[in-house]
Amino acid sequence: MKGCSTPFMGVVGTCHTWTDPSPNLCHNLSKFWNDKFRSYEVKDGCCSFYKHSSCRQRFFRARNRKDDWIKVGQRHEISSFKCAPTCEELQNPA
């Protein structure tokens, strides 16, 4: 799963790839990445993205897709994510 931040005040946006995150395990974003995602890309699986740490209040799921500009109300609001090989395998649906 790859996430990117927005360029801010002349600083180029940054991207990071989380390689093979543990399946169906919640990943809290570090202080650097918390509430910074403006885009994402999910390859070979499904990920759920959450407003709060500990995978609380799911925003959306993405299966093998990307979005270069997450919609308002979710952009810069993601604090955690969870991935699995299929969307059906993800727990904590909403």
N, C-alpha and C. Protein backbone atom coordinates (compact mmCIF):
# COMPACT_ATOMS: atom_id res chain seq x y z
N MET A 1 0.86 -1.16 0.00
CA MET A 1 0.00 0.00 0.00
C MET A 1 0.90 1.22 0.00
N LYS A 2 0.56 2.18 -0.83
CA LYS A 2 1.34 3.41 -0.92
C LYS A 2 0.46 4.59 -0.57
N GLY A 3 1.00 5.51 0.21
CA GLY A 3 0.30 6.74 0.54
C GLY A 3 1.20 7.92 0.26
N CYS A 4 0.59 9.06 -0.13
CA CYS A 4 1.36 10.26 -0.45
C CYS A 4 0.75 11.46 0.27
N SER A 5 1.63 12.38 0.67
CA SER A 5 1.20 13.62 1.31
C SER A 5 1.12 14.72 0.27
N THR A 6 0.52 15.82 0.64
CA THR A 6 0.36 16.98 -0.24
C THR A 6 1.57 17.88 -0.14
N PRO A 7 2.06 18.41 -1.27
CA PRO A 7 3.11 19.43 -1.19
C PRO A 7 2.59 20.60 -0.35
N PHE A 8 3.44 21.14 0.50
CA PHE A 8 3.01 22.20 1.41
C PHE A 8 4.09 23.27 1.52
N MET A 9 3.72 24.50 1.26
CA MET A 9 4.60 25.65 1.40
C MET A 9 5.96 25.42 0.73
N GLY A 10 5.93 24.99 -0.51
CA GLY A 10 7.15 24.82 -1.28
C GLY A 10 7.87 23.50 -1.07
N VAL A 11 7.38 22.68 -0.13
CA VAL A 11 8.00 21.38 0.12
C VAL A 11 7.30 20.35 -0.77
N VAL A 12 8.08 19.57 -1.48
CA VAL A 12 7.53 18.55 -2.38
C VAL A 12 6.80 17.49 -1.55
N GLY A 13 5.68 17.01 -2.06
CA GLY A 13 4.95 15.94 -1.38
C GLY A 13 5.81 14.69 -1.28
N THR A 14 5.53 13.87 -0.30
CA THR A 14 6.30 12.68 -0.03
C THR A 14 5.41 11.46 -0.18
N CYS A 15 5.98 10.36 -0.66
CA CYS A 15 5.25 9.10 -0.74
C CYS A 15 6.01 8.03 0.04
N HIS A 16 5.26 7.07 0.53
CA HIS A 16 5.86 5.94 1.25
C HIS A 16 5.08 4.69 0.88
N THR A 17 5.79 3.58 0.72
CA THR A 17 5.15 2.30 0.44
C THR A 17 5.30 1.40 1.65
N TRP A 18 4.17 0.91 2.15
CA TRP A 18 4.17 -0.08 3.22
C TRP A 18 4.17 -1.43 2.52
N THR A 19 5.28 -2.14 2.56
CA THR A 19 5.45 -3.39 1.84
C THR A 19 4.86 -4.54 2.65
N ASP A 20 3.93 -5.23 2.05
CA ASP A 20 3.29 -6.39 2.66
C ASP A 20 2.91 -6.17 4.11
N PRO A 21 2.01 -5.21 4.38
CA PRO A 21 1.58 -5.04 5.77
C PRO A 21 0.90 -6.31 6.26
N SER A 22 1.09 -6.65 7.52
CA SER A 22 0.51 -7.88 8.08
C SER A 22 -0.98 -7.94 7.79
N PRO A 23 -1.46 -9.05 7.23
CA PRO A 23 -2.87 -9.16 6.85
C PRO A 23 -3.82 -8.98 8.03
N ASN A 24 -4.82 -8.16 7.80
CA ASN A 24 -5.91 -7.93 8.75
C ASN A 24 -5.43 -7.44 10.11
N LEU A 25 -4.29 -6.76 10.13
CA LEU A 25 -3.76 -6.17 11.35
C LEU A 25 -3.80 -4.66 11.20
N CYS A 26 -4.29 -3.97 12.22
CA CYS A 26 -4.38 -2.52 12.14
C CYS A 26 -2.99 -1.89 12.20
N HIS A 27 -2.75 -0.95 11.31
CA HIS A 27 -1.49 -0.21 11.27
C HIS A 27 -1.79 1.26 11.55
N ASN A 28 -1.35 1.74 12.70
CA ASN A 28 -1.49 3.16 13.02
C ASN A 28 -0.38 3.92 12.32
N LEU A 29 -0.74 5.03 11.71
CA LEU A 29 0.25 5.84 11.01
C LEU A 29 1.12 6.59 12.01
N SER A 30 2.38 6.76 11.66
CA SER A 30 3.31 7.50 12.52
C SER A 30 2.89 8.96 12.57
N LYS A 31 3.47 9.69 13.50
CA LYS A 31 3.17 11.11 13.63
C LYS A 31 3.40 11.83 12.30
N PHE A 32 4.44 11.44 11.57
CA PHE A 32 4.74 12.08 10.29
C PHE A 32 3.60 11.89 9.29
N TRP A 33 3.00 10.70 9.24
CA TRP A 33 1.98 10.38 8.24
C TRP A 33 0.55 10.61 8.72
N ASN A 34 0.33 10.68 10.02
CA ASN A 34 -1.02 10.84 10.54
C ASN A 34 -1.69 12.09 9.96
N ASP A 35 -2.88 11.91 9.40
CA ASP A 35 -3.67 13.01 8.82
C ASP A 35 -2.94 13.72 7.67
N LYS A 36 -2.11 13.00 6.92
CA LYS A 36 -1.38 13.62 5.82
C LYS A 36 -1.72 13.04 4.44
N PHE A 37 -2.39 11.89 4.37
CA PHE A 37 -2.65 11.27 3.07
C PHE A 37 -3.52 12.16 2.19
N ARG A 38 -3.08 12.38 0.96
CA ARG A 38 -3.90 13.03 -0.05
C ARG A 38 -4.18 12.05 -1.19
N SER A 39 -3.37 10.98 -1.26
CA SER A 39 -3.58 9.96 -2.29
C SER A 39 -3.11 8.61 -1.75
N TYR A 40 -3.54 7.55 -2.44
CA TYR A 40 -3.14 6.19 -2.05
C TYR A 40 -3.13 5.30 -3.28
N GLU A 41 -2.50 4.15 -3.14
CA GLU A 41 -2.53 3.12 -4.17
C GLU A 41 -2.48 1.77 -3.47
N VAL A 42 -3.42 0.90 -3.80
CA VAL A 42 -3.47 -0.45 -3.25
C VAL A 42 -3.24 -1.42 -4.40
N LYS A 43 -2.24 -2.28 -4.26
CA LYS A 43 -1.95 -3.30 -5.28
C LYS A 43 -2.08 -4.68 -4.65
N ASP A 44 -2.62 -5.61 -5.39
CA ASP A 44 -2.70 -7.02 -4.97
C ASP A 44 -3.38 -7.20 -3.62
N GLY A 45 -4.52 -6.58 -3.43
CA GLY A 45 -5.25 -6.78 -2.19
C GLY A 45 -6.28 -5.70 -1.95
N CYS A 46 -6.73 -5.63 -0.71
CA CYS A 46 -7.77 -4.69 -0.31
C CYS A 46 -7.34 -4.03 0.99
N CYS A 47 -7.54 -2.73 1.10
CA CYS A 47 -7.22 -2.00 2.34
C CYS A 47 -8.41 -1.15 2.76
N SER A 48 -8.61 -1.06 4.06
CA SER A 48 -9.58 -0.14 4.65
C SER A 48 -8.80 1.00 5.29
N PHE A 49 -9.34 2.21 5.17
CA PHE A 49 -8.69 3.40 5.71
C PHE A 49 -9.61 4.01 6.77
N TYR A 50 -9.01 4.45 7.88
CA TYR A 50 -9.78 4.87 9.05
C TYR A 50 -9.43 6.28 9.50
N LYS A 51 -10.42 6.95 10.06
CA LYS A 51 -10.25 8.32 10.56
C LYS A 51 -9.39 8.35 11.82
N HIS A 52 -9.55 7.36 12.68
CA HIS A 52 -8.87 7.36 13.98
C HIS A 52 -7.85 6.23 14.07
N SER A 53 -6.97 6.33 15.06
CA SER A 53 -6.02 5.25 15.31
C SER A 53 -6.78 4.00 15.75
N SER A 54 -6.09 2.88 15.77
CA SER A 54 -6.67 1.59 16.15
C SER A 54 -7.82 1.18 15.24
N CYS A 55 -7.80 1.68 14.01
CA CYS A 55 -8.78 1.32 12.97
C CYS A 55 -10.22 1.54 13.43
N ARG A 56 -10.47 2.76 13.90
CA ARG A 56 -11.82 3.16 14.30
C ARG A 56 -12.38 4.15 13.29
N GLN A 57 -13.63 4.03 12.99
CA GLN A 57 -14.40 4.86 12.06
C GLN A 57 -13.84 4.76 10.63
N ARG A 58 -14.23 3.68 9.97
CA ARG A 58 -13.74 3.44 8.61
C ARG A 58 -14.30 4.48 7.64
N PHE A 59 -13.40 4.99 6.81
CA PHE A 59 -13.80 5.90 5.73
C PHE A 59 -14.21 5.10 4.49
N PHE A 60 -13.31 4.24 4.00
CA PHE A 60 -13.56 3.53 2.75
C PHE A 60 -12.63 2.34 2.62
N ARG A 61 -12.97 1.47 1.66
CA ARG A 61 -12.11 0.35 1.27
C ARG A 61 -11.65 0.58 -0.16
N ALA A 62 -10.50 0.02 -0.47
CA ALA A 62 -9.98 0.10 -1.84
C ALA A 62 -9.38 -1.25 -2.21
N ARG A 63 -9.78 -1.78 -3.35
CA ARG A 63 -9.23 -3.05 -3.83
C ARG A 63 -8.54 -2.81 -5.16
N ASN A 64 -7.23 -3.05 -5.19
CA ASN A 64 -6.44 -2.94 -6.43
C ASN A 64 -6.77 -1.67 -7.19
N ARG A 65 -6.69 -0.53 -6.53
CA ARG A 65 -6.96 0.75 -7.19
C ARG A 65 -6.15 1.85 -6.53
N LYS A 66 -6.21 3.02 -7.16
CA LYS A 66 -5.55 4.18 -6.58
C LYS A 66 -6.45 5.39 -6.75
N ASP A 67 -6.16 6.40 -5.96
CA ASP A 67 -6.87 7.67 -6.03
C ASP A 67 -5.83 8.75 -5.82
N ASP A 68 -5.65 9.60 -6.81
CA ASP A 68 -4.63 10.65 -6.72
C ASP A 68 -5.09 11.85 -5.92
N TRP A 69 -6.35 11.91 -5.57
CA TRP A 69 -6.85 13.04 -4.79
C TRP A 69 -8.05 12.57 -3.98
N ILE A 70 -7.82 12.13 -2.74
CA ILE A 70 -8.88 11.64 -1.87
C ILE A 70 -9.90 12.76 -1.65
N LYS A 71 -11.18 12.40 -1.60
CA LYS A 71 -12.24 13.41 -1.51
C LYS A 71 -12.17 14.22 -0.21
N VAL A 72 -12.70 15.43 -0.28
CA VAL A 72 -12.76 16.32 0.88
C VAL A 72 -13.52 15.62 2.00
N GLY A 73 -13.07 15.79 3.22
CA GLY A 73 -13.67 15.13 4.36
C GLY A 73 -12.94 13.86 4.73
N GLN A 74 -12.12 13.36 3.81
CA GLN A 74 -11.28 12.19 4.08
C GLN A 74 -9.81 12.51 3.81
N ARG A 75 -9.56 13.44 2.90
CA ARG A 75 -8.19 13.86 2.60
C ARG A 75 -7.59 14.49 3.85
N HIS A 76 -6.39 14.11 4.17
CA HIS A 76 -5.67 14.62 5.35
C HIS A 76 -6.39 14.26 6.65
N GLU A 77 -7.11 13.15 6.66
CA GLU A 77 -7.85 12.72 7.86
C GLU A 77 -7.54 11.27 8.25
N ILE A 78 -6.76 10.55 7.47
CA ILE A 78 -6.53 9.12 7.71
C ILE A 78 -5.46 8.94 8.80
N SER A 79 -5.80 8.10 9.80
CA SER A 79 -4.88 7.85 10.91
C SER A 79 -4.43 6.39 11.01
N SER A 80 -5.14 5.48 10.33
CA SER A 80 -4.76 4.07 10.38
C SER A 80 -5.33 3.35 9.17
N PHE A 81 -4.80 2.15 8.92
CA PHE A 81 -5.29 1.33 7.81
C PHE A 81 -5.10 -0.13 8.15
N LYS A 82 -5.83 -0.96 7.39
CA LYS A 82 -5.77 -2.41 7.55
C LYS A 82 -5.89 -3.01 6.16
N CYS A 83 -5.06 -3.99 5.83
CA CYS A 83 -5.08 -4.62 4.50
C CYS A 83 -5.23 -6.13 4.62
N ALA A 84 -5.71 -6.75 3.55
CA ALA A 84 -5.85 -8.20 3.45
C ALA A 84 -5.85 -8.58 1.97
N PRO A 85 -5.65 -9.85 1.66
CA PRO A 85 -5.68 -10.26 0.26
C PRO A 85 -7.01 -9.97 -0.43
N THR A 86 -8.14 -10.10 0.32
CA THR A 86 -9.45 -9.78 -0.25
C THR A 86 -10.22 -8.89 0.73
N CYS A 87 -11.18 -8.15 0.22
CA CYS A 87 -11.99 -7.28 1.08
C CYS A 87 -12.83 -8.09 2.06
N GLU A 88 -13.24 -9.29 1.67
CA GLU A 88 -14.05 -10.13 2.54
C GLU A 88 -13.28 -10.55 3.79
N GLU A 89 -11.96 -10.58 3.70
CA GLU A 89 -11.14 -10.99 4.84
C GLU A 89 -10.93 -9.89 5.87
N LEU A 90 -11.25 -8.66 5.51
CA LEU A 90 -11.05 -7.55 6.45
C LEU A 90 -12.11 -7.61 7.55
N GLN A 91 -11.67 -7.42 8.77
CA GLN A 91 -12.59 -7.38 9.91
C GLN A 91 -12.89 -5.94 10.25
N ASN A 92 -13.77 -5.73 11.23
CA ASN A 92 -14.14 -4.38 11.70
C ASN A 92 -14.72 -3.56 10.56
N PRO A 93 -15.87 -3.96 10.02
CA PRO A 93 -16.40 -3.35 8.80
C PRO A 93 -16.75 -1.87 8.87
N ALA A 94 -17.12 -1.31 9.98
CA ALA A 94 -17.45 0.12 9.92
C ALA A 94 -17.38 0.78 11.26
